[in-house]
Amino acid sequence: AVSVGVASAQAVASNANRRGLVLVNTSSSRISLGFGATAVLDSGITLYPGGVFQMDEYLFDLGAVNAIASAATSNLAVQEYT
């Protein structure tokens, strides 16, 4: 898991060996994601509490994933497959 704050920051590093990625918002706040770009709150992919993002063949990306939250120290569970 990673702690996501109120400023966009890298949550998952780029990985040329990535085969899959699952992100779960285990916090009580909103978390927005940016793939290879700055994350903007409530823009693009936004996970509400309990929300799940699962990378599939249509959303596949090897780059870094940035995240921003609506509250400080919001938990984002990360499962990366290589």
Protein backbone atom coordinates (compact mmCIF):
# COMPACT_ATOMS: atom_id res chain seq x y z
CA ALA A 1 0.00 0.00 0.00
CA VAL A 2 1.02 3.61 -0.50
CA SER A 3 -0.05 6.76 1.28
CA VAL A 4 -1.55 9.35 -1.07
CA GLY A 5 -1.61 13.02 -0.15
CA VAL A 6 -3.33 16.17 -1.33
CA ALA A 7 -0.62 16.89 -3.94
CA SER A 8 0.01 14.75 -7.00
CA ALA A 9 2.87 12.30 -6.40
CA GLN A 10 4.09 8.98 -7.78
CA ALA A 11 2.16 6.05 -6.31
CA VAL A 12 3.56 3.29 -8.56
CA ALA A 13 6.88 3.50 -10.39
CA SER A 14 7.16 2.76 -14.09
CA ASN A 15 7.94 -0.90 -14.74
CA ALA A 16 8.91 -2.35 -18.12
CA ASN A 17 8.11 -5.84 -16.77
CA ARG A 18 4.56 -5.00 -15.64
CA ARG A 19 1.95 -7.56 -16.70
CA GLY A 20 -0.94 -6.28 -14.62
CA LEU A 21 -1.91 -3.79 -11.93
CA VAL A 22 -4.75 -3.55 -9.41
CA LEU A 23 -5.30 -0.42 -7.30
CA VAL A 24 -7.84 -0.32 -4.45
CA ASN A 25 -8.85 2.78 -2.51
CA THR A 26 -8.91 1.50 1.08
CA SER A 27 -9.36 5.01 2.52
CA SER A 28 -12.47 7.08 3.22
CA SER A 29 -11.49 9.80 0.72
CA ARG A 30 -11.43 10.08 -3.08
CA ILE A 31 -8.24 9.22 -4.98
CA SER A 32 -7.64 10.30 -8.58
CA LEU A 33 -5.03 8.71 -10.84
CA GLY A 34 -2.77 10.07 -13.56
CA PHE A 35 -0.94 7.66 -15.90
CA GLY A 36 2.36 9.19 -16.95
CA ALA A 37 0.95 12.59 -16.03
CA THR A 38 0.12 14.72 -13.02
CA ALA A 39 -2.96 13.46 -11.18
CA VAL A 40 -5.77 16.01 -10.87
CA LEU A 41 -8.38 15.51 -8.16
CA ASP A 42 -11.76 14.38 -9.54
CA SER A 43 -10.38 14.21 -13.08
CA GLY A 44 -9.74 11.12 -15.17
CA ILE A 45 -9.94 7.91 -13.18
CA THR A 46 -11.23 8.64 -9.67
CA LEU A 47 -11.63 5.93 -7.06
CA TYR A 48 -14.22 6.52 -4.37
CA PRO A 49 -13.83 4.68 -1.03
CA GLY A 50 -13.65 0.95 -1.81
CA GLY A 51 -13.18 1.68 -5.53
CA VAL A 52 -11.01 -0.59 -7.66
CA PHE A 53 -8.99 0.04 -10.82
CA GLN A 54 -7.84 -3.06 -12.66
CA MET A 55 -5.49 -2.64 -15.60
CA ASP A 56 -6.55 -4.77 -18.57
CA GLU A 57 -5.38 -5.06 -22.18
CA TYR A 58 -7.29 -1.91 -23.16
CA LEU A 59 -5.90 0.22 -20.32
CA PHE A 60 -2.41 -1.30 -20.22
CA ASP A 61 0.43 1.10 -19.39
CA LEU A 62 4.03 0.50 -18.28
CA GLY A 63 4.56 4.07 -17.06
CA ALA A 64 4.42 5.59 -13.60
CA VAL A 65 1.06 6.08 -11.93
CA ASN A 66 0.57 9.33 -10.02
CA ALA A 67 -2.17 9.85 -7.46
CA ILE A 68 -3.81 12.65 -5.49
CA ALA A 69 -6.40 12.39 -2.70
CA SER A 70 -9.12 14.57 -1.25
CA ALA A 71 -7.57 14.11 2.23
CA ALA A 72 -4.01 13.66 3.47
CA THR A 73 -2.58 10.19 4.17
CA SER A 74 -5.19 8.28 2.14
CA ASN A 75 -4.37 4.60 1.64
CA LEU A 76 -4.12 3.07 -1.83
CA ALA A 77 -3.55 -0.69 -1.96
CA VAL A 78 -1.29 -1.75 -4.86
CA GLN A 79 -0.93 -5.19 -6.44
CA GLU A 80 1.46 -5.24 -9.38
CA TYR A 81 2.09 -8.34 -11.48
CA THR A 82 5.40 -8.82 -13.26
